Amino acid sequence: MNRRTLFPAALAALALIAAGCGDDNGGETTEEAAATPQEAISEIGAVRQGLNQGLAAYKSGDAERADQLIGDAYLEHFEIVEGPLEEADPELNEELEELIATEIRDEIKAGAPAPEVEALVKEAQNGLDEAEAALGKA
């Protein structure tokens, strides 16, 4: 097989694989789709804990561990919050998602001074306060 036939064949195979990986929840995992506002509020506590542990690790000089802890807080806990929070306050959901999943972790990876990372974590904590309030009304 030459390059001209191999590339389109590989691309078609990838498209078929990607099509098979979809779900019926518009991209949401079952946990996100099934989470109630009260369950989301409960998960916010775990997000806070992960952020605090990540910040402590960063302050102690372990950037790799800090990134892992904050990444886990996002993937294992905030993603469960996203579905209900999207319903209650889509803008806040988007802001927190960007802040926790990307901004804080990017600063850690860039070796930012600890006070800058701490300020972002505080901003996220304040946003989580708002999320709890929004979910409490839902």
C-alpha atoms as a PDB file:
ATOM      1  CA  MET A   1       0.000   0.000   0.000  1.00  0.00           C
ATOM      2  CA  ASN A   2       1.390   3.415  -0.853  1.00  0.00           C
ATOM      3  CA  ARG A   3       1.114   6.570   1.192  1.00  0.00           C
ATOM      4  CA  ARG A   4      -1.826   7.937  -0.863  1.00  0.00           C
ATOM      5  CA  THR A   5      -4.031   4.970  -0.049  1.00  0.00           C
ATOM      6  CA  LEU A   6      -2.735   4.307   3.450  1.00  0.00           C
ATOM      7  CA  PHE A   7      -3.526   7.777   4.867  1.00  0.00           C
ATOM      8  CA  PRO A   8      -7.204   7.886   3.800  1.00  0.00           C
ATOM      9  CA  ALA A   9      -7.679   4.304   5.007  1.00  0.00           C
ATOM     10  CA  ALA A  10      -6.168   5.143   8.393  1.00  0.00           C
ATOM     11  CA  LEU A  11      -8.271   8.296   8.635  1.00  0.00           C
ATOM     12  CA  ALA A  12     -11.439   6.323   7.843  1.00  0.00           C
ATOM     13  CA  ALA A  13     -10.551   3.724  10.483  1.00  0.00           C
ATOM     14  CA  LEU A  14     -10.030   6.444  13.091  1.00  0.00           C
ATOM     15  CA  ALA A  15     -13.372   8.019  12.186  1.00  0.00           C
ATOM     16  CA  LEU A  16     -15.121   4.679  12.678  1.00  0.00           C
ATOM     17  CA  ILE A  17     -13.438   4.165  16.036  1.00  0.00           C
ATOM     18  CA  ALA A  18     -14.373   7.682  17.165  1.00  0.00           C
ATOM     19  CA  ALA A  19     -17.981   7.161  16.058  1.00  0.00           C
ATOM     20  CA  GLY A  20     -18.162   4.001  18.141  1.00  0.00           C
ATOM     21  CA  CYS A  21     -16.944   5.834  21.239  1.00  0.00           C
ATOM     22  CA  GLY A  22     -19.943   8.150  21.510  1.00  0.00           C
ATOM     23  CA  ASP A  23     -22.673   7.938  24.071  1.00  0.00           C
ATOM     24  CA  ASP A  24     -26.310   8.896  24.314  1.00  0.00           C
ATOM     25  CA  ASN A  25     -25.814  11.677  26.864  1.00  0.00           C
ATOM     26  CA  GLY A  26     -24.482  14.410  24.567  1.00  0.00           C
ATOM     27  CA  GLY A  27     -20.903  13.820  25.707  1.00  0.00           C
ATOM     28  CA  GLU A  28     -21.663  13.538  29.396  1.00  0.00           C
ATOM     29  CA  THR A  29     -20.582  10.499  31.318  1.00  0.00           C
ATOM     30  CA  THR A  30     -23.231   8.533  33.158  1.00  0.00           C
ATOM     31  CA  GLU A  31     -22.041  10.012  36.454  1.00  0.00           C
ATOM     32  CA  GLU A  32     -22.421  13.579  35.139  1.00  0.00           C
ATOM     33  CA  ALA A  33     -25.853  12.896  33.698  1.00  0.00           C
ATOM     34  CA  ALA A  34     -27.030  11.154  36.870  1.00  0.00           C
ATOM     35  CA  ALA A  35     -25.630  13.562  39.482  1.00  0.00           C
ATOM     36  CA  THR A  36     -28.166  15.532  41.471  1.00  0.00           C
ATOM     37  CA  PRO A  37     -27.447  19.049  42.739  1.00  0.00           C
ATOM     38  CA  GLN A  38     -26.959  17.597  46.248  1.00  0.00           C
ATOM     39  CA  GLU A  39     -24.463  15.024  44.967  1.00  0.00           C
ATOM     40  CA  ALA A  40     -22.650  17.789  43.111  1.00  0.00           C
ATOM     41  CA  ILE A  41     -22.429  19.849  46.305  1.00  0.00           C
ATOM     42  CA  SER A  42     -20.920  16.822  48.034  1.00  0.00           C
ATOM     43  CA  GLU A  43     -18.320  16.467  45.263  1.00  0.00           C
ATOM     44  CA  ILE A  44     -17.361  20.123  45.658  1.00  0.00           C
ATOM     45  CA  GLY A  45     -15.888  19.195  49.039  1.00  0.00           C
ATOM     46  CA  ALA A  46     -13.600  16.689  47.333  1.00  0.00           C
ATOM     47  CA  VAL A  47     -12.621  19.296  44.712  1.00  0.00           C
ATOM     48  CA  ARG A  48     -11.680  21.711  47.502  1.00  0.00           C
ATOM     49  CA  GLN A  49      -9.618  19.049  49.231  1.00  0.00           C
ATOM     50  CA  GLY A  50      -7.752  18.219  46.007  1.00  0.00           C
ATOM     51  CA  LEU A  51      -7.026  21.888  45.350  1.00  0.00           C
ATOM     52  CA  ASN A  52      -5.732  22.381  48.891  1.00  0.00           C
ATOM     53  CA  GLN A  53      -3.574  19.265  48.752  1.00  0.00           C
ATOM     54  CA  GLY A  54      -2.238  20.298  45.348  1.00  0.00           C
ATOM     55  CA  LEU A  55      -1.361  23.753  46.622  1.00  0.00           C
ATOM     56  CA  ALA A  56       0.387  22.259  49.668  1.00  0.00           C
ATOM     57  CA  ALA A  57       2.402  19.944  47.423  1.00  0.00           C
ATOM     58  CA  TYR A  58       3.362  22.866  45.195  1.00  0.00           C
ATOM     59  CA  LYS A  59       4.430  24.987  48.142  1.00  0.00           C
ATOM     60  CA  SER A  60       6.597  22.100  49.370  1.00  0.00           C
ATOM     61  CA  GLY A  61       8.339  21.959  45.992  1.00  0.00           C
ATOM     62  CA  ASP A  62       6.596  18.967  44.411  1.00  0.00           C
ATOM     63  CA  ALA A  63       5.100  20.452  41.247  1.00  0.00           C
ATOM     64  CA  GLU A  64       4.522  17.056  39.645  1.00  0.00           C
ATOM     65  CA  ARG A  65       2.462  15.853  42.600  1.00  0.00           C
ATOM     66  CA  ALA A  66       0.608  19.184  42.725  1.00  0.00           C
ATOM     67  CA  ASP A  67      -0.365  18.869  39.080  1.00  0.00           C
ATOM     68  CA  GLN A  68      -1.510  15.287  39.644  1.00  0.00           C
ATOM     69  CA  LEU A  69      -3.615  16.168  42.691  1.00  0.00           C
ATOM     70  CA  ILE A  70      -5.314  19.099  40.985  1.00  0.00           C
ATOM     71  CA  GLY A  71      -5.838  17.070  37.824  1.00  0.00           C
ATOM     72  CA  ASP A  72      -7.441  14.308  39.900  1.00  0.00           C
ATOM     73  CA  ALA A  73      -9.651  16.852  41.687  1.00  0.00           C
ATOM     74  CA  TYR A  74     -10.910  17.955  38.293  1.00  0.00           C
ATOM     75  CA  LEU A  75     -11.265  14.573  36.607  1.00  0.00           C
ATOM     76  CA  GLU A  76     -12.594  12.565  39.537  1.00  0.00           C
ATOM     77  CA  HIS A  77     -14.756  15.164  41.242  1.00  0.00           C
ATOM     78  CA  PHE A  78     -15.394  18.395  39.342  1.00  0.00           C
ATOM     79  CA  GLU A  79     -16.540  16.520  36.256  1.00  0.00           C
ATOM     80  CA  ILE A  80     -19.380  15.135  38.392  1.00  0.00           C
ATOM     81  CA  VAL A  81     -20.271  18.703  39.390  1.00  0.00           C
ATOM     82  CA  GLU A  82     -20.322  19.933  35.787  1.00  0.00           C
ATOM     83  CA  GLY A  83     -23.690  18.486  34.715  1.00  0.00           C
ATOM     84  CA  PRO A  84     -25.780  19.962  37.523  1.00  0.00           C
ATOM     85  CA  LEU A  85     -23.771  23.200  37.583  1.00  0.00           C
ATOM     86  CA  GLU A  86     -24.205  23.619  33.832  1.00  0.00           C
ATOM     87  CA  GLU A  87     -27.953  23.556  34.474  1.00  0.00           C
ATOM     88  CA  ALA A  88     -27.753  25.982  37.413  1.00  0.00           C
ATOM     89  CA  ASP A  89     -25.103  28.449  36.137  1.00  0.00           C
ATOM     90  CA  PRO A  90     -23.477  27.690  32.766  1.00  0.00           C
ATOM     91  CA  GLU A  91     -21.105  30.673  32.901  1.00  0.00           C
ATOM     92  CA  LEU A  92     -19.764  29.774  36.340  1.00  0.00           C
ATOM     93  CA  ASN A  93     -19.384  26.167  35.250  1.00  0.00           C
ATOM     94  CA  GLU A  94     -17.275  27.230  32.267  1.00  0.00           C
ATOM     95  CA  GLU A  95     -15.139  29.581  34.379  1.00  0.00           C
ATOM     96  CA  LEU A  96     -14.427  26.930  37.008  1.00  0.00           C
ATOM     97  CA  GLU A  97     -13.719  24.267  34.426  1.00  0.00           C
ATOM     98  CA  GLU A  98     -11.134  26.476  32.715  1.00  0.00           C
ATOM     99  CA  LEU A  99      -9.614  27.613  35.998  1.00  0.00           C
ATOM    100  CA  ILE A 100      -9.235  24.164  37.575  1.00  0.00           C
ATOM    101  CA  ALA A 101      -8.541  22.033  34.507  1.00  0.00           C
ATOM    102  CA  THR A 102      -6.231  24.444  32.731  1.00  0.00           C
ATOM    103  CA  GLU A 103      -5.140  27.711  34.349  1.00  0.00           C
ATOM    104  CA  ILE A 104      -3.937  26.414  37.718  1.00  0.00           C
ATOM    105  CA  ARG A 105      -2.226  23.406  36.150  1.00  0.00           C
ATOM    106  CA  ASP A 106      -0.568  25.539  33.460  1.00  0.00           C
ATOM    107  CA  GLU A 107       0.870  27.837  36.126  1.00  0.00           C
ATOM    108  CA  ILE A 108       2.185  24.862  38.063  1.00  0.00           C
ATOM    109  CA  LYS A 109       3.791  23.393  34.944  1.00  0.00           C
ATOM    110  CA  ALA A 110       5.335  26.780  34.152  1.00  0.00           C
ATOM    111  CA  GLY A 111       6.896  26.974  37.616  1.00  0.00           C
ATOM    112  CA  ALA A 112       4.959  30.082  38.641  1.00  0.00           C
ATOM    113  CA  PRO A 113       5.679  31.577  42.064  1.00  0.00           C
ATOM    114  CA  ALA A 114       3.644  29.887  44.812  1.00  0.00           C
ATOM    115  CA  PRO A 115       1.666  33.077  45.631  1.00  0.00           C
ATOM    116  CA  GLU A 116       0.370  33.174  42.030  1.00  0.00           C
ATOM    117  CA  VAL A 117      -0.781  29.568  42.209  1.00  0.00           C
ATOM    118  CA  GLU A 118      -2.265  30.234  45.635  1.00  0.00           C
ATOM    119  CA  ALA A 119      -4.237  33.200  44.248  1.00  0.00           C
ATOM    120  CA  LEU A 120      -5.695  30.998  41.495  1.00  0.00           C
ATOM    121  CA  VAL A 121      -6.619  28.297  44.013  1.00  0.00           C
ATOM    122  CA  LYS A 122      -8.320  30.963  46.166  1.00  0.00           C
ATOM    123  CA  GLU A 123     -10.212  32.170  43.083  1.00  0.00           C
ATOM    124  CA  ALA A 124     -11.326  28.589  42.426  1.00  0.00           C
ATOM    125  CA  GLN A 125     -12.386  28.171  46.063  1.00  0.00           C
ATOM    126  CA  ASN A 126     -14.465  31.353  45.820  1.00  0.00           C
ATOM    127  CA  GLY A 127     -16.043  30.058  42.618  1.00  0.00           C
ATOM    128  CA  LEU A 128     -16.834  26.781  44.363  1.00  0.00           C
ATOM    129  CA  ASP A 129     -18.633  28.814  47.064  1.00  0.00           C
ATOM    130  CA  GLU A 130     -20.748  30.347  44.298  1.00  0.00           C
ATOM    131  CA  ALA A 131     -21.325  26.913  42.772  1.00  0.00           C
ATOM    132  CA  GLU A 132     -22.577  25.530  46.091  1.00  0.00           C
ATOM    133  CA  ALA A 133     -25.003  28.442  46.362  1.00  0.00           C
ATOM    134  CA  ALA A 134     -26.227  27.988  42.784  1.00  0.00           C
ATOM    135  CA  LEU A 135     -26.659  24.238  43.253  1.00  0.00           C
ATOM    136  CA  GLY A 136     -28.443  24.793  46.570  1.00  0.00           C
ATOM    137  CA  LYS A 137     -31.090  26.774  44.716  1.00  0.00           C
ATOM    138  CA  ALA A 138     -31.442  24.158  41.965  1.00  0.00           C
END
